[in-house]
């Protein structure tokens, strides 16, 4: 069941944005063999999953 409550949409949008940005940075870091980019992307994905886990009731 999805909610149309505005804060829920904002959190969902934030989680998706962090996840997509994290995946993009991780892929770029892997392609360029840049460990700092790879690490930054992974932390973005971890942040997205952490927000999703904490926010979800």
N, C-alpha and C. Protein backbone atom coordinates (compact mmCIF):
# COMPACT_ATOMS: atom_id res chain seq x y z
N UNK A 1 0.84 -1.17 0.00
CA UNK A 1 0.00 0.00 0.00
C UNK A 1 0.89 1.24 0.00
N UNK A 2 0.72 2.08 -0.98
CA UNK A 2 1.51 3.30 -1.03
C UNK A 2 0.74 4.44 -0.41
N UNK A 3 1.48 5.35 0.13
CA UNK A 3 0.88 6.49 0.80
C UNK A 3 1.11 7.75 -0.04
N UNK A 4 0.12 8.61 -0.07
CA UNK A 4 0.26 9.87 -0.79
C UNK A 4 0.59 11.02 0.15
N UNK A 5 0.93 10.69 1.38
CA UNK A 5 1.27 11.71 2.35
C UNK A 5 2.56 12.38 1.89
N UNK A 6 2.62 13.71 1.77
CA UNK A 6 3.79 14.39 1.20
C UNK A 6 5.15 14.01 1.80
N UNK A 7 5.29 13.88 3.13
CA UNK A 7 6.60 13.48 3.63
C UNK A 7 7.03 12.08 3.15
N UNK A 8 6.06 11.17 2.96
CA UNK A 8 6.41 9.85 2.44
C UNK A 8 6.97 9.96 1.03
N UNK A 9 6.37 10.80 0.22
CA UNK A 9 6.87 10.99 -1.14
C UNK A 9 8.27 11.59 -1.13
N UNK A 10 8.52 12.50 -0.22
CA UNK A 10 9.84 13.12 -0.12
C UNK A 10 10.91 12.13 0.29
N UNK A 11 10.59 11.28 1.25
CA UNK A 11 11.54 10.26 1.69
C UNK A 11 11.79 9.27 0.56
N UNK A 12 10.73 8.85 -0.11
CA UNK A 12 10.87 7.91 -1.22
C UNK A 12 11.75 8.50 -2.32
N UNK A 13 11.54 9.77 -2.62
CA UNK A 13 12.33 10.46 -3.65
C UNK A 13 13.79 10.57 -3.21
N UNK A 14 14.03 10.86 -1.94
CA UNK A 14 15.40 10.97 -1.42
C UNK A 14 16.12 9.64 -1.48
N UNK A 15 15.43 8.57 -1.08
CA UNK A 15 16.04 7.24 -1.11
C UNK A 15 16.38 6.84 -2.54
N UNK A 16 15.47 7.08 -3.46
CA UNK A 16 15.74 6.75 -4.86
C UNK A 16 16.91 7.56 -5.41
N UNK A 17 16.93 8.85 -5.10
CA UNK A 17 18.01 9.71 -5.60
C UNK A 17 19.36 9.26 -5.05
N UNK A 18 19.42 8.96 -3.76
CA UNK A 18 20.67 8.49 -3.17
C UNK A 18 21.09 7.15 -3.77
N UNK A 19 20.13 6.27 -3.97
CA UNK A 19 20.44 4.96 -4.55
C UNK A 19 20.96 5.06 -5.97
N UNK A 20 20.29 5.86 -6.79
CA UNK A 20 20.72 6.02 -8.19
C UNK A 20 22.08 6.71 -8.27
N UNK A 21 22.25 7.76 -7.47
CA UNK A 21 23.54 8.46 -7.46
C UNK A 21 24.65 7.53 -6.96
N UNK A 22 24.36 6.75 -5.93
CA UNK A 22 25.35 5.80 -5.41
C UNK A 22 25.73 4.76 -6.44
N UNK A 23 24.76 4.24 -7.16
CA UNK A 23 25.05 3.25 -8.20
C UNK A 23 25.88 3.85 -9.33
N UNK A 24 25.53 5.07 -9.71
CA UNK A 24 26.27 5.74 -10.79
C UNK A 24 27.72 6.00 -10.39
N UNK A 25 27.91 6.50 -9.18
CA UNK A 25 29.28 6.79 -8.72
C UNK A 25 30.07 5.50 -8.53
N UNK A 26 29.41 4.45 -8.05
CA UNK A 26 30.08 3.16 -7.89
C UNK A 26 30.51 2.60 -9.24
N UNK A 27 29.63 2.67 -10.23
CA UNK A 27 29.97 2.18 -11.57
C UNK A 27 31.11 2.99 -12.18
N UNK A 28 31.08 4.30 -11.98
CA UNK A 28 32.15 5.16 -12.50
C UNK A 28 33.47 4.83 -11.80
N UNK A 29 33.43 4.65 -10.50
CA UNK A 29 34.64 4.30 -9.76
C UNK A 29 35.20 2.96 -10.17
N UNK A 30 34.33 1.99 -10.44
CA UNK A 30 34.80 0.68 -10.88
C UNK A 30 35.41 0.77 -12.28
N UNK A 31 34.79 1.56 -13.15
CA UNK A 31 35.30 1.70 -14.52
C UNK A 31 36.64 2.42 -14.55
N UNK A 32 36.80 3.42 -13.70
CA UNK A 32 38.04 4.19 -13.67
C UNK A 32 39.07 3.61 -12.70
N UNK A 33 38.69 2.56 -11.99
CA UNK A 33 39.54 1.93 -10.97
C UNK A 33 39.96 2.94 -9.91
N UNK A 34 39.03 3.81 -9.54
CA UNK A 34 39.27 4.81 -8.51
C UNK A 34 38.57 4.36 -7.23
N UNK A 35 39.35 3.93 -6.28
CA UNK A 35 38.78 3.39 -5.04
C UNK A 35 38.00 4.44 -4.25
N UNK A 36 38.41 5.69 -4.31
CA UNK A 36 37.69 6.70 -3.55
C UNK A 36 36.30 6.93 -4.11
N UNK A 37 36.15 6.84 -5.45
CA UNK A 37 34.82 6.96 -6.05
C UNK A 37 33.98 5.73 -5.72
N UNK A 38 34.61 4.58 -5.76
CA UNK A 38 33.92 3.34 -5.43
C UNK A 38 33.40 3.40 -3.99
N UNK A 39 34.25 3.84 -3.09
CA UNK A 39 33.85 3.96 -1.68
C UNK A 39 32.75 4.98 -1.47
N UNK A 40 32.85 6.10 -2.16
CA UNK A 40 31.83 7.14 -2.05
C UNK A 40 30.47 6.63 -2.54
N UNK A 41 30.48 5.90 -3.64
CA UNK A 41 29.24 5.33 -4.16
C UNK A 41 28.62 4.32 -3.23
N UNK A 42 29.47 3.48 -2.64
CA UNK A 42 28.96 2.48 -1.70
C UNK A 42 28.36 3.15 -0.48
N UNK A 43 28.98 4.23 0.00
CA UNK A 43 28.41 4.93 1.15
C UNK A 43 27.08 5.59 0.79
N UNK A 44 26.93 6.02 -0.44
CA UNK A 44 25.64 6.56 -0.89
C UNK A 44 24.55 5.49 -0.86
N UNK A 45 24.90 4.30 -1.31
CA UNK A 45 23.94 3.20 -1.29
C UNK A 45 23.61 2.80 0.15
N UNK A 46 24.62 2.77 1.00
CA UNK A 46 24.40 2.45 2.42
C UNK A 46 23.48 3.49 3.06
N UNK A 47 23.69 4.76 2.74
CA UNK A 47 22.83 5.82 3.29
C UNK A 47 21.39 5.64 2.83
N UNK A 48 21.21 5.31 1.55
CA UNK A 48 19.85 5.11 1.03
C UNK A 48 19.17 3.94 1.74
N UNK A 49 19.89 2.84 1.91
CA UNK A 49 19.29 1.68 2.58
C UNK A 49 19.04 1.97 4.06
N UNK A 50 19.94 2.72 4.69
CA UNK A 50 19.74 3.07 6.10
C UNK A 50 18.51 3.93 6.30
N UNK A 51 18.33 4.92 5.44
CA UNK A 51 17.13 5.77 5.53
C UNK A 51 15.89 4.92 5.31
N UNK A 52 15.91 4.04 4.32
CA UNK A 52 14.75 3.20 4.04
C UNK A 52 14.41 2.29 5.22
N UNK A 53 15.42 1.70 5.83
CA UNK A 53 15.19 0.79 6.96
C UNK A 53 14.66 1.54 8.17
N UNK A 54 15.25 2.69 8.47
CA UNK A 54 14.84 3.45 9.65
C UNK A 54 13.47 4.08 9.45
N UNK A 55 13.21 4.58 8.26
CA UNK A 55 11.94 5.29 8.03
C UNK A 55 10.76 4.35 7.91
N UNK A 56 10.97 3.19 7.33
CA UNK A 56 9.85 2.26 7.10
C UNK A 56 9.31 1.77 8.45
N UNK A 57 8.01 1.90 8.67
CA UNK A 57 7.43 1.48 9.96
C UNK A 57 7.41 -0.03 10.14
